[in-house]
Amino acid sequence: MSSQKYGNYGFRFQDMPQNNVANISSIGWELQTSIDYYWDGMMRKDIQGVEKYVFQYTLSGQGAITFEDKRYSLHRGDAFFVQLPSQHCYFLPESSTSWEFIYITLTGSAAASCWDFIHVHAGKTVNIPLEANLIQLLYSLLQETREHKIIDAYLSSARAYEFIMECYRFTKNLNTANQEMPEPMLRVITYLQQQYGEYISVEKMAAIAGLSSYYFIKQFGKYTNTTPARYLTKVRIKKASEMLRHTDLSIKDIAAKTGYENANYFNKVFRKITGFSPGEFRESRISNLDYLIL
C-alpha cells in the first residue's frame, strides 16, 4: 500500500470464467465524514442486473445499518455482509462525525451461499477482531489490488473464493472463539507481550503453555482465531509502531528491539502489515495505531 491509504478499486475483466462461482467486483478503504453518505440497498445504481454481496468492516468512528426498519450501530470491529439488491440501508448517522471502513464487493454463486450462511449463523452484524485471519486477508487483497497484482478474472476469482472460505471458517468458529481464554493461552500471550524482542519459537510457546506443539497451535487458533506466529508478528509490529511514534531510535535499533536481526526484513514485514514503510509511518500523522496492525 502507499501512504495514501484511502481509495476504491473496481474490477472489469473481459475474460470472465464461464462459471462465475466467485469474483471481486470492487474493494476499497474509505473515510466518510458527511451525513450525505447513504446507500439504499434497493436503489443502488451500480448493480446492473448482477447480484452483488458487500462485506464492510468498521475501522474507526461510527456508522449504522438498517434491515427492514431495525437499526444497528456499527463501531470499530463491527462488520456486515449484505446482498444487493435487498432491503437495507447503511449510512453515516447524524450522531457520528466520521466512519472509516474497509470493504469488498463480491459476485457469484459461492458469495450468495456464504451470505446465507453468515446471516443464519452469525446474524445481521458481527464483531471481528482486527487480528482475525479474515481481516488480515481483506487487507492483503486490498494491497494486492493497489499493487496491480490481480491481473485477470481468474486470479480475481481465486482471491474472491479464498475470502469466502475464510468467511465460512470465521463464522463456523465464532462461538468457539468467543469462549473464555484458558489460563495456558493467557500465559503465552502475556509472555509474548513482554518478551517480544527475544527469539520465540512455537516450541517455546507450547512449552510455556505446557502442551505439545501440535495441540498448542490448534488451541491457540481456537481461542485467538490466528496462528501463534502471526500473533507474535502483530505484537512486534505494534510495539515497533509505538517506538517509531514516540522515540528517536533508529529503524535498525527498533528492528533489533522487536526481534528482527535483519533491518531489511523488518522493513518488509512492517510494510506488509501496515501498508507503510517504517520511515513513512514515522513521518505520517497517524495516531490510531491499532487498526493498522492486522
C-alpha atoms as a PDB file:
ATOM      1  CA  MET A   1       0.000   0.000   0.000  1.00  0.00           C
ATOM      2  CA  SER A   2       1.060   3.549  -0.466  1.00  0.00           C
ATOM      3  CA  SER A   3       0.866   6.209   2.216  1.00  0.00           C
ATOM      4  CA  GLN A   4      -2.362   7.323   0.507  1.00  0.00           C
ATOM      5  CA  LYS A   5      -4.438   4.606   2.118  1.00  0.00           C
ATOM      6  CA  TYR A   6      -7.944   5.659   1.046  1.00  0.00           C
ATOM      7  CA  GLY A   7      -9.268   4.679  -2.347  1.00  0.00           C
ATOM      8  CA  ASN A   8     -11.714   2.497  -4.261  1.00  0.00           C
ATOM      9  CA  TYR A   9     -10.921  -0.002  -6.997  1.00  0.00           C
ATOM     10  CA  GLY A  10     -13.271  -1.648  -9.481  1.00  0.00           C
ATOM     11  CA  PHE A  11     -12.607  -4.905 -11.341  1.00  0.00           C
ATOM     12  CA  ARG A  12     -13.596  -5.077 -15.009  1.00  0.00           C
ATOM     13  CA  PHE A  13     -12.293  -8.104 -16.916  1.00  0.00           C
ATOM     14  CA  GLN A  14     -13.386  -9.253 -20.376  1.00  0.00           C
ATOM     15  CA  ASP A  15     -12.121 -12.835 -19.984  1.00  0.00           C
ATOM     16  CA  MET A  16     -14.583 -13.821 -17.260  1.00  0.00           C
ATOM     17  CA  PRO A  17     -14.718 -17.535 -16.330  1.00  0.00           C
ATOM     18  CA  GLN A  18     -17.768 -19.290 -17.789  1.00  0.00           C
ATOM     19  CA  ASN A  19     -18.979 -20.410 -14.360  1.00  0.00           C
ATOM     20  CA  ASN A  20     -18.899 -17.349 -12.138  1.00  0.00           C
ATOM     21  CA  VAL A  21     -18.560 -19.084  -8.778  1.00  0.00           C
ATOM     22  CA  ALA A  22     -16.920 -16.069  -7.165  1.00  0.00           C
ATOM     23  CA  ASN A  23     -15.338 -12.830  -8.282  1.00  0.00           C
ATOM     24  CA  ILE A  24     -14.322  -9.468  -6.878  1.00  0.00           C
ATOM     25  CA  SER A  25     -16.371  -6.552  -8.154  1.00  0.00           C
ATOM     26  CA  SER A  26     -14.754  -3.792  -6.084  1.00  0.00           C
ATOM     27  CA  ILE A  27     -12.644  -3.187  -2.987  1.00  0.00           C
ATOM     28  CA  GLY A  28     -11.658  -0.099  -1.049  1.00  0.00           C
ATOM     29  CA  TRP A  29     -10.841   1.834   2.119  1.00  0.00           C
ATOM     30  CA  GLU A  30     -12.933   4.923   2.903  1.00  0.00           C
ATOM     31  CA  LEU A  31     -13.333   7.657   5.496  1.00  0.00           C
ATOM     32  CA  GLN A  32     -16.802   9.220   5.419  1.00  0.00           C
ATOM     33  CA  THR A  33     -17.493  12.467   7.302  1.00  0.00           C
ATOM     34  CA  SER A  34     -20.742  13.702   5.727  1.00  0.00           C
ATOM     35  CA  ILE A  35     -24.275  12.582   6.536  1.00  0.00           C
ATOM     36  CA  ASP A  36     -24.837  12.634   2.776  1.00  0.00           C
ATOM     37  CA  TYR A  37     -23.177   9.210   2.796  1.00  0.00           C
ATOM     38  CA  TYR A  38     -26.225   6.948   2.429  1.00  0.00           C
ATOM     39  CA  TRP A  39     -26.669   3.701   0.499  1.00  0.00           C
ATOM     40  CA  ASP A  40     -30.119   2.205  -0.061  1.00  0.00           C
ATOM     41  CA  GLY A  41     -29.851  -1.487  -0.956  1.00  0.00           C
ATOM     42  CA  MET A  42     -32.881  -1.304  -3.234  1.00  0.00           C
ATOM     43  CA  MET A  43     -31.772   1.826  -5.098  1.00  0.00           C
ATOM     44  CA  ARG A  44     -28.139   1.066  -5.961  1.00  0.00           C
ATOM     45  CA  LYS A  45     -27.309   2.178  -9.500  1.00  0.00           C
ATOM     46  CA  ASP A  46     -24.119   0.105  -9.706  1.00  0.00           C
ATOM     47  CA  ILE A  47     -25.842  -3.294  -9.638  1.00  0.00           C
ATOM     48  CA  GLN A  48     -26.507  -3.537 -13.393  1.00  0.00           C
ATOM     49  CA  GLY A  49     -28.621  -6.682 -13.178  1.00  0.00           C
ATOM     50  CA  VAL A  50     -25.989  -8.696 -11.284  1.00  0.00           C
ATOM     51  CA  GLU A  51     -26.487  -9.701  -7.655  1.00  0.00           C
ATOM     52  CA  LYS A  52     -23.619  -8.439  -5.522  1.00  0.00           C
ATOM     53  CA  TYR A  53     -22.564  -9.020  -1.930  1.00  0.00           C
ATOM     54  CA  VAL A  54     -20.844  -6.333   0.143  1.00  0.00           C
ATOM     55  CA  PHE A  55     -18.676  -7.156   3.155  1.00  0.00           C
ATOM     56  CA  GLN A  56     -17.874  -3.977   5.107  1.00  0.00           C
ATOM     57  CA  TYR A  57     -15.689  -3.738   8.228  1.00  0.00           C
ATOM     58  CA  THR A  58     -15.557  -0.709  10.534  1.00  0.00           C
ATOM     59  CA  LEU A  59     -12.081   0.537  11.447  1.00  0.00           C
ATOM     60  CA  SER A  60     -12.994   3.644  13.433  1.00  0.00           C
ATOM     61  CA  GLY A  61     -15.830   6.062  14.102  1.00  0.00           C
ATOM     62  CA  GLN A  62     -19.453   5.006  13.905  1.00  0.00           C
ATOM     63  CA  GLY A  63     -21.822   4.015  11.129  1.00  0.00           C
ATOM     64  CA  ALA A  64     -25.281   2.490  11.059  1.00  0.00           C
ATOM     65  CA  ILE A  65     -27.249  -0.037   9.039  1.00  0.00           C
ATOM     66  CA  THR A  66     -30.953  -0.850   8.954  1.00  0.00           C
ATOM     67  CA  PHE A  67     -32.591  -4.131   7.975  1.00  0.00           C
ATOM     68  CA  GLU A  68     -36.341  -3.862   7.464  1.00  0.00           C
ATOM     69  CA  ASP A  69     -36.557  -0.854   9.808  1.00  0.00           C
ATOM     70  CA  LYS A  70     -34.392  -2.362  12.585  1.00  0.00           C
ATOM     71  CA  ARG A  71     -31.287  -0.248  13.131  1.00  0.00           C
ATOM     72  CA  TYR A  72     -27.834  -1.465  14.179  1.00  0.00           C
ATOM     73  CA  SER A  73     -24.966   0.793  15.252  1.00  0.00           C
ATOM     74  CA  LEU A  74     -21.565  -0.074  13.778  1.00  0.00           C
ATOM     75  CA  HIS A  75     -18.430   0.594  15.840  1.00  0.00           C
ATOM     76  CA  ARG A  76     -14.802  -0.429  15.462  1.00  0.00           C
ATOM     77  CA  GLY A  77     -14.616  -4.148  14.710  1.00  0.00           C
ATOM     78  CA  ASP A  78     -18.232  -4.457  13.544  1.00  0.00           C
ATOM     79  CA  ALA A  79     -18.916  -5.928  10.097  1.00  0.00           C
ATOM     80  CA  PHE A  80     -21.903  -6.688   7.911  1.00  0.00           C
ATOM     81  CA  PHE A  81     -22.460  -8.750   4.766  1.00  0.00           C
ATOM     82  CA  VAL A  82     -25.360  -7.605   2.582  1.00  0.00           C
ATOM     83  CA  GLN A  83     -26.902  -8.618  -0.705  1.00  0.00           C
ATOM     84  CA  LEU A  84     -27.562  -6.132  -3.498  1.00  0.00           C
ATOM     85  CA  PRO A  85     -30.395  -5.597  -4.101  1.00  0.00           C
ATOM     86  CA  SER A  86     -32.099  -6.177  -0.739  1.00  0.00           C
ATOM     87  CA  GLN A  87     -33.968  -4.163   1.865  1.00  0.00           C
ATOM     88  CA  HIS A  88     -31.249  -2.489   3.886  1.00  0.00           C
ATOM     89  CA  CYS A  89     -29.610   0.935   4.172  1.00  0.00           C
ATOM     90  CA  TYR A  90     -26.208   1.823   5.571  1.00  0.00           C
ATOM     91  CA  PHE A  91     -25.146   5.374   6.295  1.00  0.00           C
ATOM     92  CA  LEU A  92     -23.299   7.872   8.483  1.00  0.00           C
ATOM     93  CA  PRO A  93     -25.768   8.790  11.268  1.00  0.00           C
ATOM     94  CA  GLU A  94     -26.171  12.349  12.491  1.00  0.00           C
ATOM     95  CA  SER A  95     -24.709  11.333  15.849  1.00  0.00           C
ATOM     96  CA  SER A  96     -21.377  10.426  14.216  1.00  0.00           C
ATOM     97  CA  THR A  97     -18.634  12.704  12.891  1.00  0.00           C
ATOM     98  CA  SER A  98     -16.817  10.012  10.901  1.00  0.00           C
ATOM     99  CA  TRP A  99     -16.932   6.414   9.752  1.00  0.00           C
ATOM    100  CA  GLU A 100     -13.832   4.662   8.492  1.00  0.00           C
ATOM    101  CA  PHE A 101     -14.134   1.230   6.927  1.00  0.00           C
ATOM    102  CA  ILE A 102     -12.658  -1.256   4.506  1.00  0.00           C
ATOM    103  CA  TYR A 103     -14.915  -3.239   2.174  1.00  0.00           C
ATOM    104  CA  ILE A 104     -15.084  -5.786  -0.621  1.00  0.00           C
ATOM    105  CA  THR A 105     -17.913  -6.417  -3.103  1.00  0.00           C
ATOM    106  CA  LEU A 106     -18.262  -9.937  -4.487  1.00  0.00           C
ATOM    107  CA  THR A 107     -20.332 -11.662  -7.148  1.00  0.00           C
ATOM    108  CA  GLY A 108     -21.086 -15.301  -7.885  1.00  0.00           C
ATOM    109  CA  SER A 109     -22.917 -18.337  -6.521  1.00  0.00           C
ATOM    110  CA  ALA A 110     -20.350 -19.001  -3.776  1.00  0.00           C
ATOM    111  CA  ALA A 111     -20.789 -15.457  -2.477  1.00  0.00           C
ATOM    112  CA  ALA A 112     -24.561 -15.968  -2.416  1.00  0.00           C
ATOM    113  CA  SER A 113     -24.271 -19.192  -0.399  1.00  0.00           C
ATOM    114  CA  CYS A 114     -21.821 -17.564   2.001  1.00  0.00           C
ATOM    115  CA  TRP A 115     -24.177 -14.624   2.565  1.00  0.00           C
ATOM    116  CA  ASP A 116     -26.957 -17.085   3.509  1.00  0.00           C
ATOM    117  CA  PHE A 117     -24.671 -18.995   5.871  1.00  0.00           C
ATOM    118  CA  ILE A 118     -23.428 -15.877   7.682  1.00  0.00           C
ATOM    119  CA  HIS A 119     -26.914 -14.456   8.184  1.00  0.00           C
ATOM    120  CA  VAL A 120     -28.150 -17.754   9.631  1.00  0.00           C
ATOM    121  CA  HIS A 121     -25.179 -18.463  11.912  1.00  0.00           C
ATOM    122  CA  ALA A 122     -23.797 -15.007  12.805  1.00  0.00           C
ATOM    123  CA  GLY A 123     -26.721 -12.617  12.398  1.00  0.00           C
ATOM    124  CA  LYS A 124     -27.058  -9.269  10.651  1.00  0.00           C
ATOM    125  CA  THR A 125     -23.832  -7.818  12.055  1.00  0.00           C
ATOM    126  CA  VAL A 126     -20.826  -9.455  13.684  1.00  0.00           C
ATOM    127  CA  ASN A 127     -17.823  -8.194  15.649  1.00  0.00           C
ATOM    128  CA  ILE A 128     -14.491  -9.418  14.294  1.00  0.00           C
ATOM    129  CA  PRO A 129     -11.076  -8.872  15.951  1.00  0.00           C
ATOM    130  CA  LEU A 130      -8.581  -6.898  13.901  1.00  0.00           C
ATOM    131  CA  GLU A 131      -6.097  -9.756  14.159  1.00  0.00           C
ATOM    132  CA  ALA A 132      -8.531 -12.305  12.705  1.00  0.00           C
ATOM    133  CA  ASN A 133      -7.339 -14.073   9.566  1.00  0.00           C
ATOM    134  CA  LEU A 134     -10.419 -12.803   7.749  1.00  0.00           C
ATOM    135  CA  ILE A 135      -9.482  -9.154   8.258  1.00  0.00           C
ATOM    136  CA  GLN A 136      -5.811  -9.850   7.541  1.00  0.00           C
ATOM    137  CA  LEU A 137      -6.884 -11.376   4.239  1.00  0.00           C
ATOM    138  CA  LEU A 138      -9.062  -8.370   3.401  1.00  0.00           C
ATOM    139  CA  TYR A 139      -6.120  -6.011   3.921  1.00  0.00           C
ATOM    140  CA  SER A 140      -3.930  -8.325   1.841  1.00  0.00           C
ATOM    141  CA  LEU A 141      -6.444  -8.308  -1.030  1.00  0.00           C
ATOM    142  CA  LEU A 142      -6.553  -4.518  -0.974  1.00  0.00           C
ATOM    143  CA  GLN A 143      -2.763  -4.358  -1.033  1.00  0.00           C
ATOM    144  CA  GLU A 144      -2.592  -6.787  -3.961  1.00  0.00           C
ATOM    145  CA  THR A 145      -5.133  -4.638  -5.805  1.00  0.00           C
ATOM    146  CA  ARG A 146      -3.190  -1.435  -5.190  1.00  0.00           C
ATOM    147  CA  GLU A 147      -0.023  -3.119  -6.435  1.00  0.00           C
ATOM    148  CA  HIS A 148      -1.837  -4.295  -9.626  1.00  0.00           C
ATOM    149  CA  LYS A 149      -1.157  -7.945  -8.812  1.00  0.00           C
ATOM    150  CA  ILE A 150      -4.694  -9.210  -9.543  1.00  0.00           C
ATOM    151  CA  ILE A 151      -4.157  -9.192 -13.280  1.00  0.00           C
ATOM    152  CA  ASP A 152      -7.105 -11.180 -14.666  1.00  0.00           C
ATOM    153  CA  ALA A 153     -10.533 -12.588 -13.860  1.00  0.00           C
ATOM    154  CA  TYR A 154      -9.126 -16.000 -12.967  1.00  0.00           C
ATOM    155  CA  LEU A 155      -6.919 -14.596 -10.229  1.00  0.00           C
ATOM    156  CA  SER A 156      -9.767 -12.350  -9.079  1.00  0.00           C
ATOM    157  CA  SER A 157     -11.985 -15.409  -8.838  1.00  0.00           C
ATOM    158  CA  ALA A 158      -9.375 -17.344  -6.857  1.00  0.00           C
ATOM    159  CA  ARG A 159      -8.925 -14.467  -4.395  1.00  0.00           C
ATOM    160  CA  ALA A 160     -12.682 -13.999  -4.011  1.00  0.00           C
ATOM    161  CA  TYR A 161     -13.137 -17.705  -3.284  1.00  0.00           C
ATOM    162  CA  GLU A 162     -10.311 -17.582  -0.725  1.00  0.00           C
ATOM    163  CA  PHE A 163     -12.051 -14.706   1.055  1.00  0.00           C
ATOM    164  CA  ILE A 164     -15.381 -16.531   1.025  1.00  0.00           C
ATOM    165  CA  MET A 165     -13.815 -19.660   2.529  1.00  0.00           C
ATOM    166  CA  GLU A 166     -12.289 -17.526   5.290  1.00  0.00           C
ATOM    167  CA  CYS A 167     -15.754 -16.074   5.967  1.00  0.00           C
ATOM    168  CA  TYR A 168     -17.048 -19.618   6.425  1.00  0.00           C
ATOM    169  CA  ARG A 169     -14.149 -20.501   8.707  1.00  0.00           C
ATOM    170  CA  PHE A 170     -14.619 -17.453  10.912  1.00  0.00           C
ATOM    171  CA  THR A 171     -18.388 -17.869  11.153  1.00  0.00           C
ATOM    172  CA  LYS A 172     -18.152 -21.574  11.945  1.00  0.00           C
ATOM    173  CA  ASN A 173     -15.631 -20.910  14.725  1.00  0.00           C
ATOM    174  CA  LEU A 174     -17.367 -17.779  16.018  1.00  0.00           C
ATOM    175  CA  ASN A 175     -18.953 -19.296  19.108  1.00  0.00           C
ATOM    176  CA  THR A 176     -15.845 -21.299  19.927  1.00  0.00           C
ATOM    177  CA  ALA A 177     -13.541 -18.301  19.547  1.00  0.00           C
ATOM    178  CA  ASN A 178     -15.663 -16.288  21.950  1.00  0.00           C
ATOM    179  CA  GLN A 179     -15.181 -18.766  24.782  1.00  0.00           C
ATOM    180  CA  GLU A 180     -13.246 -17.609  27.832  1.00  0.00           C
ATOM    181  CA  MET A 181      -9.479 -17.703  27.235  1.00  0.00           C
ATOM    182  CA  PRO A 182      -7.954 -20.624  29.193  1.00  0.00           C
ATOM    183  CA  GLU A 183      -5.042 -19.951  31.551  1.00  0.00           C
ATOM    184  CA  PRO A 184      -2.338 -21.699  29.414  1.00  0.00           C
ATOM    185  CA  MET A 185      -3.176 -19.436  26.459  1.00  0.00           C
ATOM    186  CA  LEU A 186      -3.139 -16.365  28.708  1.00  0.00           C
ATOM    187  CA  ARG A 187       0.343 -17.348  29.939  1.00  0.00           C
ATOM    188  CA  VAL A 188       1.637 -17.467  26.377  1.00  0.00           C
ATOM    189  CA  ILE A 189       0.001 -14.186  25.355  1.00  0.00           C
ATOM    190  CA  THR A 190       1.385 -12.431  28.438  1.00  0.00           C
ATOM    191  CA  TYR A 191       4.856 -13.788  27.647  1.00  0.00           C
ATOM    192  CA  LEU A 192       4.672 -12.584  24.036  1.00  0.00           C
ATOM    193  CA  GLN A 193       3.550  -9.129  25.150  1.00  0.00           C
ATOM    194  CA  GLN A 194       6.558  -8.863  27.475  1.00  0.00           C
ATOM    195  CA  GLN A 195       9.356 -10.746  25.690  1.00  0.00           C
ATOM    196  CA  TYR A 196       8.614  -9.884  22.044  1.00  0.00           C
ATOM    197  CA  GLY A 197      12.232  -8.837  21.462  1.00  0.00           C
ATOM    198  CA  GLU A 198      13.524 -12.360  22.005  1.00  0.00           C
ATOM    199  CA  TYR A 199      13.647 -15.246  19.551  1.00  0.00           C
ATOM    200  CA  ILE A 200      10.473 -17.151  20.404  1.00  0.00           C
ATOM    201  CA  SER A 201       9.754 -20.415  18.635  1.00  0.00           C
ATOM    202  CA  VAL A 202       6.408 -22.161  18.530  1.00  0.00           C
ATOM    203  CA  GLU A 203       8.039 -24.946  20.543  1.00  0.00           C
ATOM    204  CA  LYS A 204       8.875 -22.466  23.310  1.00  0.00           C
ATOM    205  CA  MET A 205       5.320 -21.102  23.314  1.00  0.00           C
ATOM    206  CA  ALA A 206       3.998 -24.656  23.570  1.00  0.00           C
ATOM    207  CA  ALA A 207       6.341 -25.361  26.484  1.00  0.00           C
ATOM    208  CA  ILE A 208       5.089 -22.235  28.295  1.00  0.00           C
ATOM    209  CA  ALA A 209       1.533 -23.474  27.785  1.00  0.00           C
ATOM    210  CA  GLY A 210       2.510 -26.974  28.911  1.00  0.00           C
ATOM    211  CA  LEU A 211       1.193 -28.530  25.711  1.00  0.00           C
ATOM    212  CA  SER A 212       2.562 -30.372  22.696  1.00  0.00           C
ATOM    213  CA  SER A 213       3.339 -28.115  19.740  1.00  0.00           C
ATOM    214  CA  TYR A 214       0.547 -29.636  17.643  1.00  0.00           C
ATOM    215  CA  TYR A 215      -2.100 -29.276  20.341  1.00  0.00           C
ATOM    216  CA  PHE A 216      -0.870 -25.793  21.303  1.00  0.00           C
ATOM    217  CA  ILE A 217      -1.198 -24.488  17.720  1.00  0.00           C
ATOM    218  CA  LYS A 218      -4.694 -25.964  17.496  1.00  0.00           C
ATOM    219  CA  GLN A 219      -5.775 -24.456  20.829  1.00  0.00           C
ATOM    220  CA  PHE A 220      -4.170 -21.077  20.136  1.00  0.00           C
ATOM    221  CA  GLY A 221      -6.061 -20.804  16.850  1.00  0.00           C
ATOM    222  CA  LYS A 222      -9.275 -21.860  18.567  1.00  0.00           C
ATOM    223  CA  TYR A 223      -9.146 -19.003  21.081  1.00  0.00           C
ATOM    224  CA  THR A 224      -7.438 -16.240  19.067  1.00  0.00           C
ATOM    225  CA  ASN A 225      -8.551 -17.016  15.508  1.00  0.00           C
ATOM    226  CA  THR A 226      -4.965 -16.625  14.301  1.00  0.00           C
ATOM    227  CA  THR A 227      -1.670 -18.551  14.382  1.00  0.00           C
ATOM    228  CA  PRO A 228       0.991 -18.125  17.099  1.00  0.00           C
ATOM    229  CA  ALA A 229       3.474 -16.748  14.553  1.00  0.00           C
ATOM    230  CA  ARG A 230       1.030 -14.175  13.217  1.00  0.00           C
ATOM    231  CA  TYR A 231       0.059 -13.111  16.711  1.00  0.00           C
ATOM    232  CA  LEU A 232       3.719 -12.584  17.636  1.00  0.00           C
ATOM    233  CA  THR A 233       4.273 -10.579  14.452  1.00  0.00           C
ATOM    234  CA  LYS A 234       1.273  -8.409  15.324  1.00  0.00           C
ATOM    235  CA  VAL A 235       2.681  -7.736  18.806  1.00  0.00           C
ATOM    236  CA  ARG A 236       6.126  -6.892  17.418  1.00  0.00           C
ATOM    237  CA  ILE A 237       4.872  -4.532  14.732  1.00  0.00           C
ATOM    238  CA  LYS A 238       2.576  -2.779  17.195  1.00  0.00           C
ATOM    239  CA  LYS A 239       5.499  -2.260  19.600  1.00  0.00           C
ATOM    240  CA  ALA A 240       7.664  -1.053  16.700  1.00  0.00           C
ATOM    241  CA  SER A 241       4.935   1.391  15.682  1.00  0.00           C
ATOM    242  CA  GLU A 242       4.891   2.822  19.196  1.00  0.00           C
ATOM    243  CA  MET A 243       8.686   3.233  19.165  1.00  0.00           C
ATOM    244  CA  LEU A 244       8.579   4.936  15.775  1.00  0.00           C
ATOM    245  CA  ARG A 245       5.969   7.366  17.039  1.00  0.00           C
ATOM    246  CA  HIS A 246       7.358   8.098  20.494  1.00  0.00           C
ATOM    247  CA  THR A 247      11.165   7.629  20.367  1.00  0.00           C
ATOM    248  CA  ASP A 248      14.134   8.825  18.314  1.00  0.00           C
ATOM    249  CA  LEU A 249      15.601   5.347  17.978  1.00  0.00           C
ATOM    250  CA  SER A 250      16.891   4.432  14.543  1.00  0.00           C
ATOM    251  CA  ILE A 251      14.893   1.984  12.460  1.00  0.00           C
ATOM    252  CA  LYS A 252      17.747  -0.509  12.786  1.00  0.00           C
ATOM    253  CA  ASP A 253      17.626  -0.264  16.593  1.00  0.00           C
ATOM    254  CA  ILE A 254      13.832  -0.601  16.630  1.00  0.00           C
ATOM    255  CA  ALA A 255      14.110  -3.694  14.447  1.00  0.00           C
ATOM    256  CA  ALA A 256      16.577  -5.240  16.896  1.00  0.00           C
ATOM    257  CA  LYS A 257      14.460  -4.361  19.934  1.00  0.00           C
ATOM    258  CA  THR A 258      11.384  -6.027  18.395  1.00  0.00           C
ATOM    259  CA  GLY A 259      13.055  -9.302  17.486  1.00  0.00           C
ATOM    260  CA  TYR A 260      14.330  -8.607  13.951  1.00  0.00           C
ATOM    261  CA  GLU A 261      18.075  -9.036  13.446  1.00  0.00           C
ATOM    262  CA  ASN A 262      17.792  -8.010   9.807  1.00  0.00           C
ATOM    263  CA  ALA A 263      16.531  -4.419   9.363  1.00  0.00           C
ATOM    264  CA  ASN A 264      15.653  -5.029   5.707  1.00  0.00           C
ATOM    265  CA  TYR A 265      13.416  -7.944   6.678  1.00  0.00           C
ATOM    266  CA  PHE A 266      11.844  -5.801   9.399  1.00  0.00           C
ATOM    267  CA  ASN A 267      11.085  -3.133   6.776  1.00  0.00           C
ATOM    268  CA  LYS A 268       9.440  -5.742   4.563  1.00  0.00           C
ATOM    269  CA  VAL A 269       7.272  -7.150   7.377  1.00  0.00           C
ATOM    270  CA  PHE A 270       6.315  -3.690   8.639  1.00  0.00           C
ATOM    271  CA  ARG A 271       5.138  -2.610   5.187  1.00  0.00           C
ATOM    272  CA  LYS A 272       3.229  -5.845   4.652  1.00  0.00           C
ATOM    273  CA  ILE A 273       1.382  -5.455   7.958  1.00  0.00           C
ATOM    274  CA  THR A 274       0.683  -1.707   7.986  1.00  0.00           C
ATOM    275  CA  GLY A 275       0.902  -0.665   4.343  1.00  0.00           C
ATOM    276  CA  PHE A 276       3.728   1.791   5.183  1.00  0.00           C
ATOM    277  CA  SER A 277       7.499   1.575   5.411  1.00  0.00           C
ATOM    278  CA  PRO A 278       8.802   2.370   8.921  1.00  0.00           C
ATOM    279  CA  GLY A 279      10.093   5.705   7.612  1.00  0.00           C
ATOM    280  CA  GLU A 280       6.770   6.610   6.017  1.00  0.00           C
ATOM    281  CA  PHE A 281       4.944   5.692   9.204  1.00  0.00           C
ATOM    282  CA  ARG A 282       7.271   7.810  11.349  1.00  0.00           C
ATOM    283  CA  GLU A 283       6.710  10.835   9.096  1.00  0.00           C
ATOM    284  CA  SER A 284       2.930  10.361   8.971  1.00  0.00           C
ATOM    285  CA  ARG A 285       0.447  11.887  11.391  1.00  0.00           C
ATOM    286  CA  ILE A 286      -1.365   8.652  12.127  1.00  0.00           C
ATOM    287  CA  SER A 287      -2.235   8.478  15.812  1.00  0.00           C
ATOM    288  CA  ASN A 288      -4.531   5.438  15.939  1.00  0.00           C
ATOM    289  CA  LEU A 289      -2.088   2.535  15.603  1.00  0.00           C
ATOM    290  CA  ASP A 290      -4.493  -0.306  16.322  1.00  0.00           C
ATOM    291  CA  TYR A 291      -6.321  -0.515  13.032  1.00  0.00           C
ATOM    292  CA  LEU A 292      -3.048  -0.570  11.068  1.00  0.00           C
ATOM    293  CA  ILE A 293      -1.854  -3.682  12.885  1.00  0.00           C
ATOM    294  CA  LEU A 294      -3.699  -6.567  11.346  1.00  0.00           C
END
